[in-house]
Each structure stands twice: as structure tokens, then as C-alpha cells.
Amino acid sequence: MATDGSLRRLFKENLRGFDWLAVETSATMRGVPDANYCGWGAEGWVETKATQGWRVKVRPEQVGWAERRLRAGGRVFLAVRRGGVELWLFTGWALRPLVTSRLDEVAALGRWRGGPGRWNWAAVAAALKE
């Protein structure tokens, strides 16, 4: 499984009506999320991560970037694939608490189990447009 749990690919395949752009800026600006999207009249950013346990690695520059963008009125989300079969979706404001807390200790926008075929993609799409 890719370090992002193949979430960028899965989001692109399962969220119809969204235009996705993979973002790789580590050489120019640290902290920018992995993916930019536009769909259903909304544009935003998604940081994608994978973990086998209850913690996810969030870097300080990711927290700073997300909070600056959110304060400016942007949309920022964190999507975490846990154990290959769970999808957790958080608002960007959750990045700071997730530096020191477990996934289940921070309020999530949604949590879906059973693998990508059973995740509620309509609910994910609705959350991203809010």
C-alpha cells in the first residue's frame, strides 16, 4: 500500500464530479496537502495519510499551512486510511490535536469501515463541499 494508503487514487476514482490534482511541493514549499480538488462548486485541499495503528504522523509545517488556509476561509481536510479498511475524515483543524492524540480521541467528520467498496463516498463528497 502507498504511504498515503492509495487515498489520492481512491478519491479520484470514487468521487465523481470532482476534478483532482495531485500536489507534490516538498522541494518548494513544505506542508501543502497532497491533493487539491474542485467539485460541486467547492474547491479545497486534502492531506492523505495511512497508518496501521491509532496515530498518524502530522508535521508542524502541515499544521501551520492548514491553519493559515482555514483562517483565510479555505477548505482543508485530512483523510486517513487506517489498517487498510477504515477511512477517517477530519477537518483541517484536527491536524494540531492529531500531533499528540490518537485518531479516536479527535472528533472526525466521518469514519467508514469495510474497505473502499463499503465506504460512504456520497458522505465524503458532501463533507468536502461544506
N, C-alpha and C. Protein backbone atom coordinates (compact mmCIF):
# COMPACT_ATOMS: atom_id res chain seq x y z
N MET A 1 0.85 -1.18 0.00
CA MET A 1 0.00 0.00 0.00
C MET A 1 0.90 1.24 0.00
N ALA A 2 0.54 2.26 -0.75
CA ALA A 2 1.29 3.50 -0.81
C ALA A 2 1.28 4.20 0.54
N THR A 3 2.23 5.11 0.74
CA THR A 3 2.31 5.81 2.03
C THR A 3 1.06 6.61 2.33
N ASP A 4 0.29 6.96 1.30
CA ASP A 4 -0.97 7.66 1.53
C ASP A 4 -2.15 6.69 1.55
N GLY A 5 -1.86 5.38 1.59
CA GLY A 5 -2.92 4.39 1.60
C GLY A 5 -3.68 4.33 0.28
N SER A 6 -3.06 4.85 -0.78
CA SER A 6 -3.70 4.95 -2.11
C SER A 6 -4.94 5.82 -2.08
N LEU A 7 -5.05 6.70 -1.08
CA LEU A 7 -6.25 7.52 -0.96
C LEU A 7 -6.41 8.52 -2.10
N ARG A 8 -5.33 9.11 -2.58
CA ARG A 8 -5.48 10.04 -3.70
C ARG A 8 -6.14 9.33 -4.89
N ARG A 9 -5.67 8.14 -5.20
CA ARG A 9 -6.26 7.38 -6.30
C ARG A 9 -7.71 7.02 -6.01
N LEU A 10 -7.98 6.56 -4.79
CA LEU A 10 -9.34 6.16 -4.42
C LEU A 10 -10.30 7.34 -4.44
N PHE A 11 -9.87 8.50 -3.98
CA PHE A 11 -10.73 9.68 -4.01
C PHE A 11 -11.05 10.04 -5.46
N LYS A 12 -10.03 10.01 -6.32
CA LYS A 12 -10.24 10.34 -7.73
C LYS A 12 -11.21 9.36 -8.39
N GLU A 13 -11.08 8.09 -8.09
CA GLU A 13 -11.93 7.06 -8.70
C GLU A 13 -13.36 7.08 -8.18
N ASN A 14 -13.56 7.43 -6.91
CA ASN A 14 -14.87 7.28 -6.28
C ASN A 14 -15.66 8.56 -6.09
N LEU A 15 -15.04 9.69 -6.25
CA LEU A 15 -15.75 10.96 -6.07
C LEU A 15 -16.01 11.58 -7.44
N ARG A 16 -17.08 11.12 -8.05
CA ARG A 16 -17.46 11.58 -9.39
C ARG A 16 -17.85 13.05 -9.34
N GLY A 17 -17.54 13.76 -10.39
CA GLY A 17 -17.88 15.17 -10.46
C GLY A 17 -16.84 16.07 -9.82
N PHE A 18 -15.76 15.48 -9.31
CA PHE A 18 -14.66 16.26 -8.73
C PHE A 18 -13.49 16.22 -9.69
N ASP A 19 -12.79 17.33 -9.81
CA ASP A 19 -11.55 17.39 -10.56
C ASP A 19 -10.43 17.39 -9.54
N TRP A 20 -9.49 16.43 -9.64
CA TRP A 20 -8.42 16.25 -8.67
C TRP A 20 -7.06 16.59 -9.25
N LEU A 21 -6.23 17.19 -8.45
CA LEU A 21 -4.86 17.50 -8.83
C LEU A 21 -3.93 16.98 -7.74
N ALA A 22 -3.04 16.07 -8.09
CA ALA A 22 -2.03 15.60 -7.14
C ALA A 22 -1.00 16.72 -6.97
N VAL A 23 -0.61 16.99 -5.73
CA VAL A 23 0.29 18.10 -5.45
C VAL A 23 1.55 17.55 -4.79
N GLU A 24 2.69 17.87 -5.36
CA GLU A 24 4.00 17.48 -4.82
C GLU A 24 4.85 18.73 -4.72
N THR A 25 4.94 19.32 -3.53
CA THR A 25 5.67 20.59 -3.39
C THR A 25 6.81 20.52 -2.39
N SER A 26 7.22 19.35 -2.00
CA SER A 26 8.22 19.23 -0.93
C SER A 26 9.50 20.00 -1.24
N ALA A 27 9.84 20.16 -2.51
CA ALA A 27 11.06 20.89 -2.88
C ALA A 27 10.88 22.39 -2.85
N THR A 28 9.63 22.87 -2.92
CA THR A 28 9.41 24.31 -2.98
C THR A 28 8.71 24.88 -1.76
N MET A 29 7.78 24.15 -1.18
CA MET A 29 7.04 24.64 -0.01
C MET A 29 6.55 23.45 0.79
N ARG A 30 6.98 23.35 2.01
CA ARG A 30 6.59 22.22 2.86
C ARG A 30 5.23 22.48 3.50
N GLY A 31 4.48 21.39 3.72
CA GLY A 31 3.22 21.48 4.43
C GLY A 31 1.98 21.52 3.56
N VAL A 32 2.14 21.74 2.25
CA VAL A 32 0.99 21.79 1.36
C VAL A 32 0.40 20.38 1.24
N PRO A 33 -0.94 20.26 1.33
CA PRO A 33 -1.56 18.93 1.24
C PRO A 33 -1.28 18.22 -0.08
N ASP A 34 -1.53 16.91 -0.08
CA ASP A 34 -1.26 16.03 -1.23
C ASP A 34 -2.14 16.28 -2.44
N ALA A 35 -3.37 16.76 -2.20
CA ALA A 35 -4.33 16.84 -3.29
C ALA A 35 -5.17 18.11 -3.19
N ASN A 36 -5.46 18.66 -4.36
CA ASN A 36 -6.37 19.78 -4.49
C ASN A 36 -7.58 19.28 -5.28
N TYR A 37 -8.77 19.75 -4.91
CA TYR A 37 -9.96 19.31 -5.63
C TYR A 37 -10.87 20.49 -5.92
N CYS A 38 -11.71 20.30 -6.91
CA CYS A 38 -12.78 21.22 -7.21
C CYS A 38 -13.97 20.37 -7.62
N GLY A 39 -15.08 20.57 -6.96
CA GLY A 39 -16.27 19.78 -7.28
C GLY A 39 -17.48 20.28 -6.53
N TRP A 40 -18.61 20.18 -7.17
CA TRP A 40 -19.89 20.61 -6.60
C TRP A 40 -19.82 22.07 -6.19
N GLY A 41 -19.05 22.88 -6.91
CA GLY A 41 -18.96 24.31 -6.62
C GLY A 41 -18.04 24.65 -5.47
N ALA A 42 -17.24 23.70 -5.03
CA ALA A 42 -16.33 23.94 -3.90
C ALA A 42 -14.91 23.54 -4.31
N GLU A 43 -13.94 24.28 -3.79
CA GLU A 43 -12.55 23.92 -4.00
C GLU A 43 -11.89 23.76 -2.65
N GLY A 44 -10.96 22.81 -2.56
CA GLY A 44 -10.29 22.59 -1.29
C GLY A 44 -9.07 21.70 -1.42
N TRP A 45 -8.55 21.32 -0.27
CA TRP A 45 -7.30 20.57 -0.16
C TRP A 45 -7.50 19.38 0.76
N VAL A 46 -6.85 18.26 0.41
CA VAL A 46 -6.92 17.06 1.25
C VAL A 46 -5.50 16.53 1.46
N GLU A 47 -5.12 16.41 2.72
CA GLU A 47 -3.88 15.72 3.09
C GLU A 47 -4.27 14.26 3.31
N THR A 48 -3.56 13.34 2.65
CA THR A 48 -3.88 11.92 2.77
C THR A 48 -2.76 11.19 3.50
N LYS A 49 -3.16 10.31 4.39
CA LYS A 49 -2.18 9.56 5.19
C LYS A 49 -2.68 8.14 5.40
N ALA A 50 -1.75 7.26 5.71
CA ALA A 50 -2.08 5.88 6.06
C ALA A 50 -1.40 5.53 7.37
N THR A 51 -2.05 4.69 8.15
CA THR A 51 -1.48 4.21 9.40
C THR A 51 -2.02 2.82 9.69
N GLN A 52 -1.24 2.03 10.39
CA GLN A 52 -1.72 0.73 10.83
C GLN A 52 -2.28 0.83 12.25
N GLY A 53 -1.85 1.83 12.99
CA GLY A 53 -2.26 1.98 14.38
C GLY A 53 -3.27 3.09 14.57
N TRP A 54 -3.19 3.70 15.74
CA TRP A 54 -4.14 4.76 16.10
C TRP A 54 -3.55 6.15 15.96
N ARG A 55 -2.28 6.25 15.62
CA ARG A 55 -1.64 7.56 15.47
C ARG A 55 -1.23 7.77 14.03
N VAL A 56 -1.25 9.02 13.64
CA VAL A 56 -0.84 9.41 12.31
C VAL A 56 0.22 10.50 12.44
N LYS A 57 1.22 10.46 11.59
CA LYS A 57 2.30 11.44 11.67
C LYS A 57 1.89 12.73 10.96
N VAL A 58 1.82 13.81 11.74
CA VAL A 58 1.49 15.13 11.22
C VAL A 58 2.67 16.04 11.54
N ARG A 59 3.22 16.67 10.50
CA ARG A 59 4.38 17.55 10.68
C ARG A 59 3.93 18.97 11.03
N PRO A 60 4.74 19.70 11.80
CA PRO A 60 4.38 21.07 12.18
C PRO A 60 4.06 21.97 10.99
N GLU A 61 4.79 21.82 9.90
CA GLU A 61 4.52 22.68 8.74
C GLU A 61 3.17 22.36 8.10
N GLN A 62 2.69 21.12 8.26
CA GLN A 62 1.36 20.78 7.76
C GLN A 62 0.29 21.45 8.61
N VAL A 63 0.51 21.48 9.91
CA VAL A 63 -0.43 22.17 10.81
C VAL A 63 -0.48 23.64 10.45
N GLY A 64 0.68 24.27 10.31
CA GLY A 64 0.75 25.71 10.02
C GLY A 64 0.07 26.04 8.70
N TRP A 65 0.35 25.27 7.65
CA TRP A 65 -0.25 25.54 6.35
C TRP A 65 -1.77 25.43 6.43
N ALA A 66 -2.25 24.34 7.03
CA ALA A 66 -3.70 24.11 7.12
C ALA A 66 -4.38 25.22 7.91
N GLU A 67 -3.81 25.62 9.02
CA GLU A 67 -4.46 26.65 9.84
C GLU A 67 -4.46 28.02 9.15
N ARG A 68 -3.38 28.35 8.43
CA ARG A 68 -3.37 29.61 7.67
C ARG A 68 -4.46 29.60 6.61
N ARG A 69 -4.58 28.49 5.88
CA ARG A 69 -5.59 28.40 4.82
C ARG A 69 -7.00 28.44 5.40
N LEU A 70 -7.23 27.75 6.50
CA LEU A 70 -8.55 27.75 7.14
C LEU A 70 -8.91 29.14 7.64
N ARG A 71 -7.97 29.84 8.24
CA ARG A 71 -8.25 31.21 8.71
C ARG A 71 -8.60 32.14 7.56
N ALA A 72 -8.07 31.86 6.37
CA ALA A 72 -8.36 32.67 5.19
C ALA A 72 -9.66 32.26 4.50
N GLY A 73 -10.35 31.26 5.07
CA GLY A 73 -11.64 30.84 4.53
C GLY A 73 -11.58 29.64 3.60
N GLY A 74 -10.43 28.98 3.50
CA GLY A 74 -10.30 27.83 2.63
C GLY A 74 -10.82 26.55 3.26
N ARG A 75 -10.88 25.53 2.44
CA ARG A 75 -11.30 24.19 2.89
C ARG A 75 -10.07 23.30 2.94
N VAL A 76 -9.83 22.68 4.09
CA VAL A 76 -8.70 21.77 4.26
C VAL A 76 -9.20 20.56 5.05
N PHE A 77 -8.82 19.37 4.58
CA PHE A 77 -9.23 18.14 5.23
C PHE A 77 -8.05 17.20 5.38
N LEU A 78 -8.19 16.28 6.30
CA LEU A 78 -7.23 15.20 6.48
C LEU A 78 -8.00 13.90 6.31
N ALA A 79 -7.53 13.06 5.39
CA ALA A 79 -8.11 11.73 5.18
C ALA A 79 -7.08 10.70 5.61
N VAL A 80 -7.47 9.77 6.48
CA VAL A 80 -6.55 8.76 6.99
C VAL A 80 -7.13 7.38 6.71
N ARG A 81 -6.31 6.56 6.09
CA ARG A 81 -6.69 5.16 5.88
C ARG A 81 -6.00 4.36 6.98
N ARG A 82 -6.80 3.77 7.85
CA ARG A 82 -6.27 3.02 8.99
C ARG A 82 -6.43 1.53 8.73
N GLY A 83 -5.31 0.81 8.81
CA GLY A 83 -5.34 -0.63 8.66
C GLY A 83 -5.85 -1.11 7.31
N GLY A 84 -5.88 -0.23 6.35
CA GLY A 84 -6.32 -0.61 5.02
C GLY A 84 -7.81 -0.67 4.82
N VAL A 85 -8.59 -0.75 5.91
CA VAL A 85 -10.04 -0.95 5.76
C VAL A 85 -10.89 0.18 6.33
N GLU A 86 -10.29 1.10 7.06
CA GLU A 86 -11.05 2.22 7.64
C GLU A 86 -10.63 3.52 6.96
N LEU A 87 -11.62 4.39 6.76
CA LEU A 87 -11.36 5.74 6.30
C LEU A 87 -11.85 6.70 7.36
N TRP A 88 -10.96 7.56 7.81
CA TRP A 88 -11.29 8.61 8.76
C TRP A 88 -11.16 9.94 8.03
N LEU A 89 -12.14 10.82 8.18
CA LEU A 89 -12.08 12.14 7.56
C LEU A 89 -12.20 13.20 8.65
N PHE A 90 -11.25 14.12 8.63
CA PHE A 90 -11.19 15.20 9.62
C PHE A 90 -11.15 16.54 8.92
N THR A 91 -11.64 17.58 9.58
CA THR A 91 -11.40 18.93 9.12
C THR A 91 -9.94 19.26 9.37
N GLY A 92 -9.43 20.24 8.66
CA GLY A 92 -8.04 20.64 8.82
C GLY A 92 -7.70 21.11 10.22
N TRP A 93 -8.70 21.56 10.97
CA TRP A 93 -8.45 21.99 12.36
C TRP A 93 -8.01 20.83 13.24
N ALA A 94 -8.21 19.60 12.80
CA ALA A 94 -7.82 18.43 13.59
C ALA A 94 -6.33 18.12 13.49
N LEU A 95 -5.62 18.73 12.55
CA LEU A 95 -4.20 18.40 12.41
C LEU A 95 -3.42 18.67 13.69
N ARG A 96 -3.63 19.82 14.30
CA ARG A 96 -2.88 20.15 15.52
C ARG A 96 -3.13 19.13 16.63
N PRO A 97 -4.38 18.81 16.98
CA PRO A 97 -4.58 17.81 18.04
C PRO A 97 -4.04 16.42 17.67
N LEU A 98 -4.03 16.10 16.38
CA LEU A 98 -3.54 14.77 15.98
C LEU A 98 -2.03 14.64 16.08
N VAL A 99 -1.32 15.73 16.29
CA VAL A 99 0.13 15.64 16.51
C VAL A 99 0.40 14.81 17.76
N THR A 100 -0.46 14.94 18.77
CA THR A 100 -0.22 14.27 20.05
C THR A 100 -1.34 13.30 20.46
N SER A 101 -2.42 13.24 19.69
CA SER A 101 -3.57 12.41 20.08
C SER A 101 -3.81 11.28 19.08
N ARG A 102 -4.54 10.29 19.54
CA ARG A 102 -4.94 9.16 18.70
C ARG A 102 -6.12 9.58 17.82
N LEU A 103 -6.31 8.85 16.73
CA LEU A 103 -7.43 9.15 15.83
C LEU A 103 -8.75 9.16 16.58
N ASP A 104 -8.95 8.19 17.46
CA ASP A 104 -10.23 8.08 18.15
C ASP A 104 -10.39 9.07 19.30
N GLU A 105 -9.41 9.93 19.50
CA GLU A 105 -9.50 10.96 20.54
C GLU A 105 -9.82 12.34 19.96
N VAL A 106 -9.94 12.43 18.65
CA VAL A 106 -10.19 13.70 17.97
C VAL A 106 -11.49 13.55 17.16
N ALA A 107 -12.35 14.57 17.24
CA ALA A 107 -13.63 14.50 16.54
C ALA A 107 -13.42 14.40 15.03
N ALA A 108 -14.00 13.38 14.43
CA ALA A 108 -13.90 13.16 12.98
C ALA A 108 -15.21 13.57 12.31
N LEU A 109 -15.10 13.99 11.06
CA LEU A 109 -16.30 14.27 10.26
C LEU A 109 -16.99 12.97 9.88
N GLY A 110 -16.20 11.91 9.76
CA GLY A 110 -16.76 10.62 9.41
C GLY A 110 -15.73 9.53 9.57
N ARG A 111 -16.24 8.32 9.77
CA ARG A 111 -15.39 7.13 9.87
C ARG A 111 -16.16 5.99 9.21
N TRP A 112 -15.52 5.38 8.22
CA TRP A 112 -16.16 4.31 7.48
C TRP A 112 -15.29 3.08 7.52
N ARG A 113 -15.92 1.91 7.63
CA ARG A 113 -15.20 0.64 7.77
C ARG A 113 -15.54 -0.28 6.60
N GLY A 114 -14.74 -1.34 6.46
CA GLY A 114 -15.03 -2.37 5.49
C GLY A 114 -14.28 -2.26 4.18
N GLY A 115 -13.40 -1.30 4.06
CA GLY A 115 -12.65 -1.14 2.82
C GLY A 115 -13.33 -0.19 1.85
N PRO A 116 -12.61 0.26 0.82
CA PRO A 116 -13.11 1.28 -0.10
C PRO A 116 -14.45 0.97 -0.73
N GLY A 117 -14.75 -0.29 -0.99
CA GLY A 117 -16.03 -0.65 -1.59
C GLY A 117 -17.21 -0.43 -0.67
N ARG A 118 -16.96 -0.31 0.62
CA ARG A 118 -18.05 -0.12 1.59
C ARG A 118 -18.05 1.28 2.21
N TRP A 119 -17.07 2.09 1.89
CA TRP A 119 -17.04 3.45 2.43
C TRP A 119 -18.16 4.28 1.80
N ASN A 120 -18.72 5.19 2.55
CA ASN A 120 -19.82 6.02 2.07
C ASN A 120 -19.26 7.22 1.30
N TRP A 121 -19.01 7.00 0.01
CA TRP A 121 -18.40 8.04 -0.80
C TRP A 121 -19.29 9.26 -0.96
N ALA A 122 -20.61 9.07 -0.95
CA ALA A 122 -21.52 10.21 -1.04
C ALA A 122 -21.36 11.12 0.19
N ALA A 123 -21.17 10.52 1.36
CA ALA A 123 -20.96 11.30 2.58
C ALA A 123 -19.61 12.02 2.53
N VAL A 124 -18.59 11.36 1.98
CA VAL A 124 -17.27 12.01 1.84
C VAL A 124 -17.41 13.21 0.92
N ALA A 125 -18.07 13.04 -0.22
CA ALA A 125 -18.26 14.14 -1.16
C ALA A 125 -19.01 15.29 -0.51
N ALA A 126 -20.06 14.99 0.24
CA ALA A 126 -20.84 16.03 0.91
C ALA A 126 -19.98 16.80 1.91
N ALA A 127 -19.13 16.10 2.65
CA ALA A 127 -18.25 16.77 3.62
C ALA A 127 -17.27 17.70 2.92
N LEU A 128 -16.73 17.29 1.79
CA LEU A 128 -15.74 18.11 1.09
C LEU A 128 -16.34 19.38 0.50
N LYS A 129 -17.62 19.38 0.24
CA LYS A 129 -18.23 20.58 -0.33
C LYS A 129 -18.74 21.56 0.73
N GLU A 130 -18.78 21.13 1.97
CA GLU A 130 -19.26 22.01 3.05
C GLU A 130 -18.32 23.15 3.30
